[in-house]
Amino acid sequence: MSQLRQTPFGATREPTWLDRFGIWLSARRIGALVKDPKGKRIGDFGCGYHAGIGRRFRGTAEHLVLVDLALSPELKSDPGVTAIEGRLPEALGRLGDASLDVIICNSVLEHLGAPQEAIGEFHRLLSPGGVCLINVPSWRGKWFLEFAAFRLGLSPAAEMDDHKAYYDPRDLWPLLVEAGFKPSRISCYRHKFGLNTFAVCRRGPA
């Protein structure tokens, strides 16, 4: 049995330039899909200690929910943020049904032992008309990430050793459908030069 991760991304080290570039690419895509965050309840699950993507919506979203193993004191003290420290997907049980308009899960599913349960929780938490945005490394990305970490030292090897799966669109799509998302409301495609898979899942009306 693999050892459970004890610290979130960014808690014990500064991101490398490669990490920052990857986060920038993801944030750019997510921002374009969220568009205007005003009046929206946004959740970033597995957001990292500093919530590198989710924190961009502070002060503009109606409310922001951040979930990870640990979160910075700055985020926990923000009255506009619901900060939940705990392990996914169990920590999501503290949130009510249909309570979020946007859910972000960026580079997280590959670290989870129960990804199907997590996606099921995303579907439960998403409001009618809401959107869930999921980014995961692909099988092509596996080679690149491991080469960068194990051979070049551009990323911590521990991050790659914590990966439990990789997802091409054909791997991720069935999990989304099993969770309750309708095929007509799923867009699942390659992203970041084919190194990642990105899914846009919309919740139908009640």
N, C-alpha and C. Protein backbone atom coordinates (compact mmCIF):
# COMPACT_ATOMS: atom_id res chain seq x y z
N MET A 1 0.85 -1.20 0.00
CA MET A 1 0.00 0.00 0.00
C MET A 1 0.89 1.25 0.00
N SER A 2 0.60 2.19 -0.90
CA SER A 2 1.43 3.39 -1.00
C SER A 2 1.18 4.31 0.18
N GLN A 3 2.20 5.05 0.56
CA GLN A 3 2.09 5.97 1.68
C GLN A 3 1.29 7.19 1.26
N LEU A 4 0.36 7.65 2.12
CA LEU A 4 -0.47 8.78 1.79
C LEU A 4 0.34 10.06 1.88
N ARG A 5 0.07 10.94 0.96
CA ARG A 5 0.73 12.24 0.94
C ARG A 5 0.36 13.03 2.19
N GLN A 6 1.35 13.74 2.76
CA GLN A 6 1.13 14.45 4.01
C GLN A 6 1.11 15.97 3.86
N THR A 7 1.67 16.50 2.79
CA THR A 7 1.75 17.96 2.61
C THR A 7 1.24 18.34 1.23
N PRO A 8 0.60 19.51 1.11
CA PRO A 8 0.10 19.95 -0.19
C PRO A 8 1.20 20.58 -1.02
N PHE A 9 0.93 20.74 -2.30
CA PHE A 9 1.88 21.38 -3.21
C PHE A 9 2.17 22.80 -2.72
N GLY A 10 3.45 23.15 -2.68
CA GLY A 10 3.85 24.50 -2.32
C GLY A 10 4.03 24.75 -0.84
N ALA A 11 3.79 23.75 0.00
CA ALA A 11 3.89 23.97 1.45
C ALA A 11 5.32 23.98 1.94
N THR A 12 6.19 23.20 1.32
CA THR A 12 7.55 23.03 1.84
C THR A 12 8.63 23.51 0.87
N ARG A 13 8.25 23.94 -0.31
CA ARG A 13 9.25 24.41 -1.28
C ARG A 13 8.61 25.40 -2.22
N GLU A 14 9.45 26.25 -2.81
CA GLU A 14 8.98 27.18 -3.83
C GLU A 14 8.82 26.44 -5.15
N PRO A 15 7.79 26.75 -5.93
CA PRO A 15 7.64 26.11 -7.24
C PRO A 15 8.82 26.42 -8.14
N THR A 16 9.22 25.45 -8.95
CA THR A 16 10.28 25.66 -9.92
C THR A 16 9.74 26.48 -11.09
N TRP A 17 10.61 26.91 -11.98
CA TRP A 17 10.14 27.66 -13.16
C TRP A 17 9.24 26.78 -14.02
N LEU A 18 9.50 25.47 -14.03
CA LEU A 18 8.66 24.56 -14.80
C LEU A 18 7.27 24.45 -14.16
N ASP A 19 7.21 24.40 -12.83
CA ASP A 19 5.93 24.40 -12.13
C ASP A 19 5.15 25.67 -12.45
N ARG A 20 5.83 26.81 -12.37
CA ARG A 20 5.16 28.10 -12.59
C ARG A 20 4.64 28.21 -14.01
N PHE A 21 5.40 27.69 -14.97
CA PHE A 21 4.95 27.73 -16.36
C PHE A 21 3.70 26.87 -16.55
N GLY A 22 3.70 25.68 -15.94
CA GLY A 22 2.54 24.81 -16.03
C GLY A 22 1.31 25.43 -15.39
N ILE A 23 1.50 26.07 -14.23
CA ILE A 23 0.39 26.72 -13.55
C ILE A 23 -0.14 27.87 -14.40
N TRP A 24 0.76 28.63 -15.02
CA TRP A 24 0.34 29.75 -15.88
C TRP A 24 -0.50 29.26 -17.05
N LEU A 25 -0.08 28.17 -17.68
CA LEU A 25 -0.84 27.63 -18.80
C LEU A 25 -2.24 27.19 -18.36
N SER A 26 -2.30 26.50 -17.21
CA SER A 26 -3.59 26.05 -16.70
C SER A 26 -4.47 27.23 -16.31
N ALA A 27 -3.89 28.21 -15.62
CA ALA A 27 -4.66 29.37 -15.18
C ALA A 27 -5.22 30.15 -16.37
N ARG A 28 -4.45 30.21 -17.43
CA ARG A 28 -4.91 30.92 -18.63
C ARG A 28 -6.14 30.23 -19.22
N ARG A 29 -6.09 28.91 -19.33
CA ARG A 29 -7.22 28.17 -19.87
C ARG A 29 -8.44 28.26 -18.94
N ILE A 30 -8.21 28.10 -17.64
CA ILE A 30 -9.30 28.15 -16.67
C ILE A 30 -9.95 29.53 -16.64
N GLY A 31 -9.13 30.58 -16.65
CA GLY A 31 -9.66 31.93 -16.64
C GLY A 31 -10.54 32.21 -17.86
N ALA A 32 -10.13 31.70 -19.02
CA ALA A 32 -10.91 31.91 -20.24
C ALA A 32 -12.26 31.21 -20.16
N LEU A 33 -12.31 30.07 -19.46
CA LEU A 33 -13.56 29.32 -19.34
C LEU A 33 -14.46 29.87 -18.24
N VAL A 34 -13.88 30.34 -17.16
CA VAL A 34 -14.68 30.93 -16.08
C VAL A 34 -15.26 32.27 -16.54
N LYS A 35 -14.48 33.01 -17.34
CA LYS A 35 -14.86 34.33 -17.83
C LYS A 35 -15.07 35.28 -16.65
N ASP A 36 -16.26 35.80 -16.48
CA ASP A 36 -16.52 36.76 -15.40
C ASP A 36 -16.87 36.00 -14.12
N PRO A 37 -16.02 36.04 -13.09
CA PRO A 37 -16.31 35.30 -11.86
C PRO A 37 -17.30 35.98 -10.92
N LYS A 38 -17.72 37.21 -11.25
CA LYS A 38 -18.62 37.94 -10.36
C LYS A 38 -19.92 37.17 -10.15
N GLY A 39 -20.32 37.04 -8.90
CA GLY A 39 -21.56 36.37 -8.56
C GLY A 39 -21.47 34.86 -8.57
N LYS A 40 -20.27 34.32 -8.81
CA LYS A 40 -20.11 32.87 -8.89
C LYS A 40 -19.48 32.32 -7.61
N ARG A 41 -19.93 31.14 -7.24
CA ARG A 41 -19.34 30.41 -6.10
C ARG A 41 -18.35 29.42 -6.70
N ILE A 42 -17.08 29.62 -6.37
CA ILE A 42 -16.00 28.87 -7.03
C ILE A 42 -15.27 27.99 -6.02
N GLY A 43 -15.05 26.74 -6.38
CA GLY A 43 -14.28 25.82 -5.55
C GLY A 43 -13.03 25.37 -6.27
N ASP A 44 -11.90 25.40 -5.58
CA ASP A 44 -10.63 24.90 -6.13
C ASP A 44 -10.20 23.76 -5.20
N PHE A 45 -10.25 22.56 -5.72
CA PHE A 45 -10.00 21.36 -4.92
C PHE A 45 -8.61 20.80 -5.18
N GLY A 46 -7.84 20.59 -4.10
CA GLY A 46 -6.43 20.25 -4.27
C GLY A 46 -5.67 21.45 -4.76
N CYS A 47 -6.01 22.60 -4.18
CA CYS A 47 -5.56 23.90 -4.70
C CYS A 47 -4.10 24.20 -4.43
N GLY A 48 -3.48 23.47 -3.51
CA GLY A 48 -2.11 23.80 -3.10
C GLY A 48 -2.11 24.73 -1.90
N TYR A 49 -1.01 24.78 -1.20
CA TYR A 49 -0.90 25.56 0.04
C TYR A 49 -1.24 27.03 -0.17
N HIS A 50 -0.79 27.59 -1.30
CA HIS A 50 -1.03 29.01 -1.59
C HIS A 50 -2.16 29.22 -2.59
N ALA A 51 -2.80 28.14 -3.05
CA ALA A 51 -3.92 28.23 -4.00
C ALA A 51 -3.56 29.10 -5.20
N GLY A 52 -2.52 28.69 -5.92
CA GLY A 52 -1.98 29.49 -7.01
C GLY A 52 -2.99 29.89 -8.07
N ILE A 53 -3.97 29.03 -8.33
CA ILE A 53 -5.00 29.36 -9.33
C ILE A 53 -6.24 29.93 -8.65
N GLY A 54 -6.74 29.28 -7.64
CA GLY A 54 -7.97 29.72 -6.99
C GLY A 54 -7.89 31.13 -6.43
N ARG A 55 -6.73 31.53 -5.89
CA ARG A 55 -6.62 32.84 -5.26
C ARG A 55 -6.81 33.97 -6.27
N ARG A 56 -6.69 33.66 -7.57
CA ARG A 56 -6.91 34.70 -8.60
C ARG A 56 -8.35 35.19 -8.61
N PHE A 57 -9.25 34.43 -8.00
CA PHE A 57 -10.66 34.82 -7.98
C PHE A 57 -11.07 35.48 -6.67
N ARG A 58 -10.13 35.65 -5.76
CA ARG A 58 -10.42 36.33 -4.50
C ARG A 58 -10.85 37.76 -4.78
N GLY A 59 -11.91 38.18 -4.10
CA GLY A 59 -12.34 39.56 -4.25
C GLY A 59 -13.27 39.79 -5.43
N THR A 60 -13.37 38.84 -6.34
CA THR A 60 -14.26 38.99 -7.48
C THR A 60 -15.37 37.94 -7.46
N ALA A 61 -15.05 36.72 -7.08
CA ALA A 61 -16.09 35.69 -6.96
C ALA A 61 -17.00 36.02 -5.79
N GLU A 62 -18.24 35.54 -5.85
CA GLU A 62 -19.16 35.73 -4.73
C GLU A 62 -18.60 35.03 -3.49
N HIS A 63 -18.05 33.84 -3.68
CA HIS A 63 -17.42 33.12 -2.58
C HIS A 63 -16.43 32.13 -3.16
N LEU A 64 -15.38 31.85 -2.40
CA LEU A 64 -14.33 30.95 -2.85
C LEU A 64 -14.14 29.85 -1.82
N VAL A 65 -14.17 28.60 -2.29
CA VAL A 65 -13.93 27.45 -1.42
C VAL A 65 -12.60 26.82 -1.83
N LEU A 66 -11.69 26.70 -0.89
CA LEU A 66 -10.37 26.12 -1.15
C LEU A 66 -10.21 24.87 -0.28
N VAL A 67 -9.75 23.78 -0.91
CA VAL A 67 -9.60 22.52 -0.19
C VAL A 67 -8.23 21.92 -0.48
N ASP A 68 -7.49 21.60 0.57
CA ASP A 68 -6.25 20.85 0.45
C ASP A 68 -5.84 20.37 1.83
N LEU A 69 -4.76 19.60 1.88
CA LEU A 69 -4.29 19.04 3.15
C LEU A 69 -3.96 20.12 4.16
N ALA A 70 -3.42 21.24 3.69
CA ALA A 70 -3.13 22.40 4.53
C ALA A 70 -3.20 23.64 3.66
N LEU A 71 -3.56 24.77 4.26
CA LEU A 71 -3.68 26.03 3.55
C LEU A 71 -2.98 27.13 4.34
N SER A 72 -2.50 28.14 3.65
CA SER A 72 -1.75 29.20 4.31
C SER A 72 -2.65 30.00 5.25
N PRO A 73 -2.09 30.54 6.33
CA PRO A 73 -2.87 31.36 7.26
C PRO A 73 -3.55 32.54 6.57
N GLU A 74 -2.91 33.09 5.56
CA GLU A 74 -3.49 34.21 4.81
C GLU A 74 -4.84 33.83 4.21
N LEU A 75 -4.90 32.65 3.61
CA LEU A 75 -6.14 32.20 2.99
C LEU A 75 -7.19 31.86 4.03
N LYS A 76 -6.77 31.25 5.13
CA LYS A 76 -7.71 30.84 6.17
C LYS A 76 -8.33 32.04 6.90
N SER A 77 -7.66 33.17 6.88
CA SER A 77 -8.16 34.35 7.57
C SER A 77 -9.02 35.24 6.68
N ASP A 78 -9.13 34.91 5.41
CA ASP A 78 -9.90 35.71 4.46
C ASP A 78 -11.39 35.43 4.65
N PRO A 79 -12.22 36.43 4.98
CA PRO A 79 -13.66 36.19 5.19
C PRO A 79 -14.40 35.78 3.92
N GLY A 80 -13.79 36.01 2.76
CA GLY A 80 -14.42 35.61 1.51
C GLY A 80 -14.06 34.21 1.08
N VAL A 81 -13.33 33.49 1.94
CA VAL A 81 -12.86 32.15 1.60
C VAL A 81 -13.35 31.15 2.63
N THR A 82 -13.88 30.03 2.15
CA THR A 82 -14.10 28.87 3.01
C THR A 82 -12.90 27.95 2.81
N ALA A 83 -12.07 27.84 3.83
CA ALA A 83 -10.85 27.05 3.75
C ALA A 83 -11.07 25.72 4.47
N ILE A 84 -10.95 24.64 3.71
CA ILE A 84 -11.16 23.30 4.27
C ILE A 84 -9.85 22.52 4.16
N GLU A 85 -9.32 22.12 5.29
CA GLU A 85 -8.10 21.31 5.30
C GLU A 85 -8.47 19.86 5.52
N GLY A 86 -8.06 19.02 4.60
CA GLY A 86 -8.39 17.61 4.69
C GLY A 86 -8.04 16.91 3.41
N ARG A 87 -8.25 15.62 3.41
CA ARG A 87 -7.88 14.78 2.27
C ARG A 87 -9.07 14.61 1.32
N LEU A 88 -8.79 14.68 0.03
CA LEU A 88 -9.80 14.42 -0.99
C LEU A 88 -9.97 12.92 -1.18
N PRO A 89 -11.20 12.45 -1.43
CA PRO A 89 -12.44 13.23 -1.55
C PRO A 89 -13.20 13.43 -0.24
N GLU A 90 -12.71 12.86 0.87
CA GLU A 90 -13.47 12.89 2.12
C GLU A 90 -13.81 14.31 2.57
N ALA A 91 -12.87 15.25 2.40
CA ALA A 91 -13.08 16.61 2.88
C ALA A 91 -14.26 17.30 2.19
N LEU A 92 -14.62 16.84 1.00
CA LEU A 92 -15.71 17.48 0.27
C LEU A 92 -17.07 17.18 0.88
N GLY A 93 -17.15 16.18 1.76
CA GLY A 93 -18.41 15.85 2.41
C GLY A 93 -18.92 16.97 3.30
N ARG A 94 -18.07 17.95 3.59
CA ARG A 94 -18.49 19.07 4.44
C ARG A 94 -19.30 20.11 3.65
N LEU A 95 -19.34 19.96 2.34
CA LEU A 95 -20.01 20.94 1.49
C LEU A 95 -21.38 20.43 1.05
N GLY A 96 -22.31 21.36 0.87
CA GLY A 96 -23.68 21.00 0.52
C GLY A 96 -23.87 20.70 -0.96
N ASP A 97 -24.91 19.96 -1.26
CA ASP A 97 -25.25 19.64 -2.65
C ASP A 97 -25.49 20.92 -3.45
N ALA A 98 -25.06 20.89 -4.73
CA ALA A 98 -25.31 21.99 -5.67
C ALA A 98 -24.89 23.35 -5.11
N SER A 99 -23.79 23.40 -4.37
CA SER A 99 -23.38 24.62 -3.67
C SER A 99 -22.34 25.44 -4.42
N LEU A 100 -21.89 24.95 -5.59
CA LEU A 100 -20.83 25.65 -6.32
C LEU A 100 -21.20 25.82 -7.79
N ASP A 101 -20.81 26.95 -8.36
CA ASP A 101 -21.06 27.23 -9.77
C ASP A 101 -19.88 26.84 -10.65
N VAL A 102 -18.69 26.86 -10.09
CA VAL A 102 -17.46 26.49 -10.80
C VAL A 102 -16.62 25.61 -9.89
N ILE A 103 -16.16 24.48 -10.41
CA ILE A 103 -15.24 23.62 -9.68
C ILE A 103 -13.97 23.46 -10.50
N ILE A 104 -12.83 23.68 -9.85
CA ILE A 104 -11.52 23.56 -10.49
C ILE A 104 -10.76 22.43 -9.80
N CYS A 105 -10.21 21.54 -10.61
CA CYS A 105 -9.38 20.46 -10.08
C CYS A 105 -8.18 20.33 -11.02
N ASN A 106 -7.10 21.00 -10.68
CA ASN A 106 -5.95 21.11 -11.56
C ASN A 106 -4.77 20.27 -11.07
N SER A 107 -4.40 19.27 -11.85
CA SER A 107 -3.25 18.41 -11.53
C SER A 107 -3.39 17.79 -10.15
N VAL A 108 -4.54 17.16 -9.92
CA VAL A 108 -4.85 16.57 -8.61
C VAL A 108 -5.27 15.11 -8.72
N LEU A 109 -6.13 14.78 -9.68
CA LEU A 109 -6.68 13.42 -9.76
C LEU A 109 -5.59 12.35 -9.82
N GLU A 110 -4.46 12.67 -10.46
CA GLU A 110 -3.39 11.69 -10.60
C GLU A 110 -2.75 11.33 -9.26
N HIS A 111 -3.01 12.14 -8.22
CA HIS A 111 -2.47 11.88 -6.89
C HIS A 111 -3.44 11.11 -5.99
N LEU A 112 -4.68 10.93 -6.44
CA LEU A 112 -5.72 10.38 -5.57
C LEU A 112 -5.85 8.87 -5.71
N GLY A 113 -6.09 8.22 -4.59
CA GLY A 113 -6.34 6.79 -4.61
C GLY A 113 -7.76 6.45 -5.02
N ALA A 114 -8.67 7.43 -4.90
CA ALA A 114 -10.08 7.20 -5.25
C ALA A 114 -10.57 8.31 -6.18
N PRO A 115 -10.03 8.41 -7.39
CA PRO A 115 -10.44 9.49 -8.29
C PRO A 115 -11.91 9.44 -8.67
N GLN A 116 -12.47 8.24 -8.82
CA GLN A 116 -13.88 8.14 -9.20
C GLN A 116 -14.78 8.74 -8.12
N GLU A 117 -14.46 8.49 -6.87
CA GLU A 117 -15.25 9.07 -5.78
C GLU A 117 -15.15 10.59 -5.79
N ALA A 118 -13.96 11.10 -6.08
CA ALA A 118 -13.78 12.55 -6.11
C ALA A 118 -14.62 13.18 -7.20
N ILE A 119 -14.61 12.59 -8.40
CA ILE A 119 -15.40 13.15 -9.50
C ILE A 119 -16.89 13.05 -9.19
N GLY A 120 -17.30 11.98 -8.52
CA GLY A 120 -18.68 11.88 -8.08
C GLY A 120 -19.07 13.01 -7.15
N GLU A 121 -18.16 13.41 -6.27
CA GLU A 121 -18.39 14.53 -5.39
C GLU A 121 -18.47 15.84 -6.18
N PHE A 122 -17.65 15.98 -7.19
CA PHE A 122 -17.71 17.19 -8.02
C PHE A 122 -19.12 17.33 -8.62
N HIS A 123 -19.65 16.21 -9.14
CA HIS A 123 -20.98 16.24 -9.74
C HIS A 123 -22.03 16.61 -8.70
N ARG A 124 -21.91 16.07 -7.50
CA ARG A 124 -22.87 16.38 -6.43
C ARG A 124 -22.84 17.85 -6.06
N LEU A 125 -21.67 18.42 -6.00
CA LEU A 125 -21.51 19.79 -5.53
C LEU A 125 -21.84 20.84 -6.57
N LEU A 126 -21.87 20.47 -7.83
CA LEU A 126 -22.05 21.45 -8.91
C LEU A 126 -23.53 21.83 -9.04
N SER A 127 -23.76 23.13 -9.13
CA SER A 127 -25.12 23.63 -9.28
C SER A 127 -25.61 23.43 -10.72
N PRO A 128 -26.92 23.39 -10.94
CA PRO A 128 -27.43 23.32 -12.31
C PRO A 128 -26.89 24.47 -13.16
N GLY A 129 -26.37 24.14 -14.32
CA GLY A 129 -25.74 25.15 -15.17
C GLY A 129 -24.29 25.42 -14.84
N GLY A 130 -23.77 24.79 -13.79
CA GLY A 130 -22.39 25.01 -13.38
C GLY A 130 -21.41 24.25 -14.25
N VAL A 131 -20.11 24.53 -14.05
CA VAL A 131 -19.08 23.90 -14.86
C VAL A 131 -17.95 23.39 -13.98
N CYS A 132 -17.48 22.19 -14.28
CA CYS A 132 -16.36 21.57 -13.59
C CYS A 132 -15.19 21.49 -14.56
N LEU A 133 -14.03 21.99 -14.16
CA LEU A 133 -12.84 22.05 -15.00
C LEU A 133 -11.76 21.16 -14.40
N ILE A 134 -11.36 20.14 -15.15
CA ILE A 134 -10.39 19.15 -14.66
C ILE A 134 -9.20 19.10 -15.59
N ASN A 135 -8.01 19.22 -15.03
CA ASN A 135 -6.77 19.08 -15.80
C ASN A 135 -5.91 17.99 -15.17
N VAL A 136 -5.45 17.04 -16.00
CA VAL A 136 -4.63 15.93 -15.52
C VAL A 136 -3.50 15.65 -16.52
N PRO A 137 -2.38 15.08 -16.08
CA PRO A 137 -1.33 14.72 -17.02
C PRO A 137 -1.73 13.51 -17.85
N SER A 138 -1.35 13.53 -19.11
CA SER A 138 -1.63 12.43 -20.03
C SER A 138 -0.50 11.40 -19.98
N TRP A 139 -0.67 10.33 -20.74
CA TRP A 139 0.39 9.32 -20.81
C TRP A 139 1.63 9.88 -21.53
N ARG A 140 1.44 10.77 -22.48
CA ARG A 140 2.61 11.44 -23.06
C ARG A 140 3.26 12.33 -22.02
N GLY A 141 2.44 12.97 -21.21
CA GLY A 141 2.97 13.82 -20.15
C GLY A 141 3.76 13.03 -19.13
N LYS A 142 3.40 11.77 -18.91
CA LYS A 142 4.14 10.93 -17.97
C LYS A 142 5.62 10.89 -18.33
N TRP A 143 5.90 10.65 -19.60
CA TRP A 143 7.31 10.59 -20.04
C TRP A 143 8.01 11.91 -19.78
N PHE A 144 7.36 13.02 -20.15
CA PHE A 144 7.99 14.33 -19.99
C PHE A 144 8.20 14.67 -18.52
N LEU A 145 7.18 14.45 -17.70
CA LEU A 145 7.29 14.78 -16.28
C LEU A 145 8.37 13.96 -15.58
N GLU A 146 8.42 12.67 -15.90
CA GLU A 146 9.42 11.82 -15.26
C GLU A 146 10.83 12.14 -15.75
N PHE A 147 10.97 12.46 -17.02
CA PHE A 147 12.27 12.85 -17.54
C PHE A 147 12.74 14.15 -16.87
N ALA A 148 11.82 15.11 -16.76
CA ALA A 148 12.18 16.39 -16.16
C ALA A 148 12.53 16.24 -14.68
N ALA A 149 11.84 15.33 -13.99
CA ALA A 149 12.09 15.15 -12.56
C ALA A 149 13.26 14.23 -12.27
N PHE A 150 13.26 13.05 -12.88
CA PHE A 150 14.24 12.03 -12.54
C PHE A 150 15.59 12.23 -13.22
N ARG A 151 15.58 12.78 -14.41
CA ARG A 151 16.84 12.94 -15.16
C ARG A 151 17.41 14.35 -15.08
N LEU A 152 16.53 15.35 -15.22
CA LEU A 152 17.01 16.74 -15.28
C LEU A 152 16.91 17.47 -13.94
N GLY A 153 16.13 16.94 -13.01
CA GLY A 153 16.00 17.58 -11.71
C GLY A 153 15.24 18.89 -11.73
N LEU A 154 14.36 19.07 -12.74
CA LEU A 154 13.62 20.31 -12.86
C LEU A 154 12.36 20.33 -12.00
N SER A 155 11.97 19.18 -11.49
CA SER A 155 10.83 19.07 -10.58
C SER A 155 11.19 18.05 -9.51
N PRO A 156 10.58 18.14 -8.34
CA PRO A 156 10.89 17.17 -7.28
C PRO A 156 10.45 15.76 -7.67
N ALA A 157 11.33 14.80 -7.48
CA ALA A 157 11.00 13.41 -7.80
C ALA A 157 9.84 12.92 -6.96
N ALA A 158 9.70 13.44 -5.74
CA ALA A 158 8.62 12.99 -4.87
C ALA A 158 7.24 13.27 -5.45
N GLU A 159 7.13 14.37 -6.21
CA GLU A 159 5.84 14.68 -6.84
C GLU A 159 5.47 13.61 -7.85
N MET A 160 6.44 13.17 -8.65
CA MET A 160 6.16 12.15 -9.66
C MET A 160 5.94 10.78 -9.00
N ASP A 161 6.66 10.51 -7.94
CA ASP A 161 6.51 9.23 -7.25
C ASP A 161 5.14 9.11 -6.58
N ASP A 162 4.46 10.24 -6.39
CA ASP A 162 3.13 10.23 -5.78
C ASP A 162 2.02 10.01 -6.82
N HIS A 163 2.37 10.03 -8.11
CA HIS A 163 1.35 9.84 -9.14
C HIS A 163 0.85 8.39 -9.14
N LYS A 164 -0.46 8.24 -9.24
CA LYS A 164 -1.08 6.92 -9.23
C LYS A 164 -1.73 6.57 -10.56
N ALA A 165 -1.87 7.54 -11.46
CA ALA A 165 -2.50 7.29 -12.76
C ALA A 165 -2.19 8.43 -13.72
N TYR A 166 -2.37 8.16 -15.01
CA TYR A 166 -2.30 9.17 -16.06
C TYR A 166 -3.54 9.00 -16.92
N TYR A 167 -3.95 10.08 -17.58
CA TYR A 167 -5.24 10.07 -18.26
C TYR A 167 -5.17 10.69 -19.65
N ASP A 168 -5.41 9.89 -20.66
CA ASP A 168 -5.75 10.41 -21.98
C ASP A 168 -7.26 10.66 -21.98
N PRO A 169 -7.80 11.37 -22.98
CA PRO A 169 -9.25 11.59 -23.01
C PRO A 169 -10.07 10.30 -22.88
N ARG A 170 -9.60 9.22 -23.50
CA ARG A 170 -10.36 7.97 -23.45
C ARG A 170 -10.33 7.33 -22.06
N ASP A 171 -9.36 7.73 -21.22
CA ASP A 171 -9.30 7.24 -19.83
C ASP A 171 -10.19 8.07 -18.91
N LEU A 172 -10.18 9.39 -19.11
CA LEU A 172 -10.91 10.30 -18.22
C LEU A 172 -12.40 10.33 -18.53
N TRP A 173 -12.78 10.31 -19.80
CA TRP A 173 -14.18 10.45 -20.20
C TRP A 173 -15.10 9.44 -19.51
N PRO A 174 -14.75 8.14 -19.47
CA PRO A 174 -15.66 7.19 -18.79
C PRO A 174 -15.86 7.50 -17.31
N LEU A 175 -14.84 8.03 -16.64
CA LEU A 175 -14.98 8.38 -15.23
C LEU A 175 -15.98 9.52 -15.05
N LEU A 176 -15.98 10.46 -15.98
CA LEU A 176 -16.90 11.59 -15.92
C LEU A 176 -18.34 11.13 -16.11
N VAL A 177 -18.53 10.23 -17.07
CA VAL A 177 -19.87 9.70 -17.32
C VAL A 177 -20.36 8.88 -16.13
N GLU A 178 -19.49 8.07 -15.57
CA GLU A 178 -19.84 7.25 -14.41
C GLU A 178 -20.25 8.12 -13.23
N ALA A 179 -19.65 9.30 -13.13
CA ALA A 179 -19.96 10.22 -12.03
C ALA A 179 -21.31 10.90 -12.20
N GLY A 180 -21.87 10.85 -13.41
CA GLY A 180 -23.18 11.45 -13.62
C GLY A 180 -23.23 12.53 -14.67
N PHE A 181 -22.08 12.96 -15.19
CA PHE A 181 -22.07 13.98 -16.24
C PHE A 181 -22.56 13.37 -17.55
N LYS A 182 -23.43 14.09 -18.27
CA LYS A 182 -23.97 13.60 -19.53
C LYS A 182 -22.94 13.78 -20.65
N PRO A 183 -22.81 12.77 -21.53
CA PRO A 183 -21.85 12.89 -22.65
C PRO A 183 -22.03 14.17 -23.46
N SER A 184 -23.28 14.62 -23.62
CA SER A 184 -23.53 15.83 -24.41
C SER A 184 -23.01 17.08 -23.74
N ARG A 185 -22.65 16.98 -22.46
CA ARG A 185 -22.19 18.15 -21.70
C ARG A 185 -20.73 18.02 -21.28
N ILE A 186 -20.03 17.07 -21.92
CA ILE A 186 -18.60 16.87 -21.62
C ILE A 186 -17.76 17.21 -22.85
N SER A 187 -16.74 18.03 -22.65
CA SER A 187 -15.72 18.26 -23.67
C SER A 187 -14.39 17.83 -23.06
N CYS A 188 -13.76 16.82 -23.66
CA CYS A 188 -12.54 16.23 -23.09
C CYS A 188 -11.49 16.17 -24.19
N TYR A 189 -10.37 16.87 -23.99
CA TYR A 189 -9.41 17.02 -25.09
C TYR A 189 -7.98 17.16 -24.56
N ARG A 190 -7.04 17.04 -25.48
CA ARG A 190 -5.62 17.18 -25.12
C ARG A 190 -5.28 18.65 -24.95
N HIS A 191 -4.29 18.91 -24.09
CA HIS A 191 -3.97 20.27 -23.67
C HIS A 191 -2.46 20.33 -23.38
N LYS A 192 -1.90 21.52 -23.40
CA LYS A 192 -0.48 21.71 -23.10
C LYS A 192 0.40 20.83 -23.98
N PHE A 193 0.27 21.00 -25.30
CA PHE A 193 1.10 20.27 -26.27
C PHE A 193 0.91 18.76 -26.17
N GLY A 194 -0.27 18.33 -25.71
CA GLY A 194 -0.55 16.91 -25.57
C GLY A 194 -0.04 16.30 -24.28
N LEU A 195 0.56 17.09 -23.42
CA LEU A 195 1.10 16.57 -22.17
C LEU A 195 0.02 16.44 -21.09
N ASN A 196 -1.12 17.06 -21.31
CA ASN A 196 -2.23 17.02 -20.36
C ASN A 196 -3.54 16.71 -21.07
N THR A 197 -4.51 16.30 -20.28
CA THR A 197 -5.89 16.14 -20.74
C THR A 197 -6.74 17.12 -19.95
N PHE A 198 -7.61 17.83 -20.66
CA PHE A 198 -8.45 18.84 -20.02
C PHE A 198 -9.91 18.48 -20.26
N ALA A 199 -10.73 18.56 -19.23
CA ALA A 199 -12.16 18.25 -19.37
C ALA A 199 -13.00 19.43 -18.87
N VAL A 200 -13.99 19.77 -19.66
CA VAL A 200 -14.99 20.78 -19.30
C VAL A 200 -16.32 20.05 -19.16
N CYS A 201 -16.85 19.98 -17.96
CA CYS A 201 -18.08 19.21 -17.68
C CYS A 201 -19.14 20.16 -17.15
N ARG A 202 -20.25 20.21 -17.83
CA ARG A 202 -21.32 21.12 -17.42
C ARG A 202 -22.48 20.34 -16.81
N ARG A 203 -23.06 20.87 -15.78
CA ARG A 203 -24.19 20.24 -15.09
C ARG A 203 -25.48 20.73 -15.74
N GLY A 204 -26.34 19.82 -16.13
CA GLY A 204 -27.60 20.17 -16.75
C GLY A 204 -28.55 20.83 -15.76
N PRO A 205 -29.65 21.39 -16.27
CA PRO A 205 -30.62 22.03 -15.38
C PRO A 205 -31.27 21.00 -14.46
N ALA A 206 -31.75 21.48 -13.33
CA ALA A 206 -32.38 20.60 -12.34
C ALA A 206 -33.68 20.01 -12.89
